[in-house]
Amino acid sequence: MNQALLVIDAQQELMDGSFEQQGVFEKDKVIQNINRIVRNADENVFKPTHDSYR
């Protein structure tokens, strides 16, 4: 069976929070889990990134 992993919107402001919204609960664990799962995924991984700030 084919499987897919979709990580949506793990942007720094979302993870850390802002004046308007609280950050992600247990942020460090969430990031570690995302990184671990991506590392263990098959070689067919597409990782779009956005490095510029507005």
C-alpha atoms as a PDB file:
ATOM      1  CA  MET A   1       0.000   0.000   0.000  1.00  0.00           C
ATOM      2  CA  ASN A   2       1.318   3.452  -0.892  1.00  0.00           C
ATOM      3  CA  GLN A   3       1.447   6.012   1.876  1.00  0.00           C
ATOM      4  CA  ALA A   4       1.906   9.755   1.916  1.00  0.00           C
ATOM      5  CA  LEU A   5       3.102  12.221   4.512  1.00  0.00           C
ATOM      6  CA  LEU A   6       1.808  15.763   4.256  1.00  0.00           C
ATOM      7  CA  VAL A   7       3.237  18.433   6.558  1.00  0.00           C
ATOM      8  CA  ILE A   8       1.317  21.672   6.211  1.00  0.00           C
ATOM      9  CA  ASP A   9       2.449  25.071   7.427  1.00  0.00           C
ATOM     10  CA  ALA A  10       5.185  24.486   9.973  1.00  0.00           C
ATOM     11  CA  GLN A  11       6.267  28.124   9.701  1.00  0.00           C
ATOM     12  CA  GLN A  12       8.216  29.696  12.524  1.00  0.00           C
ATOM     13  CA  GLU A  13       5.553  32.255  13.470  1.00  0.00           C
ATOM     14  CA  LEU A  14       2.947  29.484  13.641  1.00  0.00           C
ATOM     15  CA  MET A  15       5.219  27.302  15.767  1.00  0.00           C
ATOM     16  CA  ASP A  16       6.419  30.104  18.079  1.00  0.00           C
ATOM     17  CA  GLY A  17       3.179  32.045  18.261  1.00  0.00           C
ATOM     18  CA  SER A  18       2.595  35.763  18.023  1.00  0.00           C
ATOM     19  CA  PHE A  19       0.890  38.552  19.897  1.00  0.00           C
ATOM     20  CA  GLU A  20      -2.421  37.273  18.539  1.00  0.00           C
ATOM     21  CA  GLN A  21      -2.020  33.497  18.834  1.00  0.00           C
ATOM     22  CA  GLN A  22      -0.365  31.072  21.198  1.00  0.00           C
ATOM     23  CA  GLY A  23       2.444  28.902  19.841  1.00  0.00           C
ATOM     24  CA  VAL A  24       2.205  25.166  19.231  1.00  0.00           C
ATOM     25  CA  PHE A  25       1.992  23.007  22.377  1.00  0.00           C
ATOM     26  CA  GLU A  26       5.260  21.080  22.913  1.00  0.00           C
ATOM     27  CA  LYS A  27       6.765  22.727  19.829  1.00  0.00           C
ATOM     28  CA  ASP A  28      10.151  21.007  20.166  1.00  0.00           C
ATOM     29  CA  LYS A  29       8.554  17.551  20.223  1.00  0.00           C
ATOM     30  CA  VAL A  30       6.397  18.392  17.198  1.00  0.00           C
ATOM     31  CA  ILE A  31       9.446  19.562  15.210  1.00  0.00           C
ATOM     32  CA  GLN A  32      11.453  16.497  16.242  1.00  0.00           C
ATOM     33  CA  ASN A  33       8.606  14.213  15.149  1.00  0.00           C
ATOM     34  CA  ILE A  34       8.231  15.965  11.781  1.00  0.00           C
ATOM     35  CA  ASN A  35      11.975  15.713  11.154  1.00  0.00           C
ATOM     36  CA  ARG A  36      12.124  12.053  12.229  1.00  0.00           C
ATOM     37  CA  ILE A  37       9.224  11.041  10.002  1.00  0.00           C
ATOM     38  CA  VAL A  38      10.640  12.911   6.997  1.00  0.00           C
ATOM     39  CA  ARG A  39      14.072  11.301   7.564  1.00  0.00           C
ATOM     40  CA  ASN A  40      12.493   7.844   7.698  1.00  0.00           C
ATOM     41  CA  ALA A  41      10.284   8.419   4.659  1.00  0.00           C
ATOM     42  CA  ASP A  42      11.028   6.864   1.311  1.00  0.00           C
ATOM     43  CA  GLU A  43      13.361   8.653  -1.056  1.00  0.00           C
ATOM     44  CA  ASN A  44      10.375  10.179  -2.908  1.00  0.00           C
ATOM     45  CA  VAL A  45      10.003  13.159  -0.606  1.00  0.00           C
ATOM     46  CA  PHE A  46       9.126  16.629  -1.832  1.00  0.00           C
ATOM     47  CA  LYS A  47      10.118  19.345   0.647  1.00  0.00           C
ATOM     48  CA  PRO A  48       9.095  22.814  -0.488  1.00  0.00           C
ATOM     49  CA  THR A  49      10.680  25.580   1.546  1.00  0.00           C
ATOM     50  CA  HIS A  50      10.251  29.309   1.746  1.00  0.00           C
ATOM     51  CA  ASP A  51      13.268  31.150   3.087  1.00  0.00           C
ATOM     52  CA  SER A  52      12.349  34.791   2.552  1.00  0.00           C
ATOM     53  CA  TYR A  53      10.433  36.993   4.926  1.00  0.00           C
ATOM     54  CA  ARG A  54       7.917  39.710   4.121  1.00  0.00           C
END
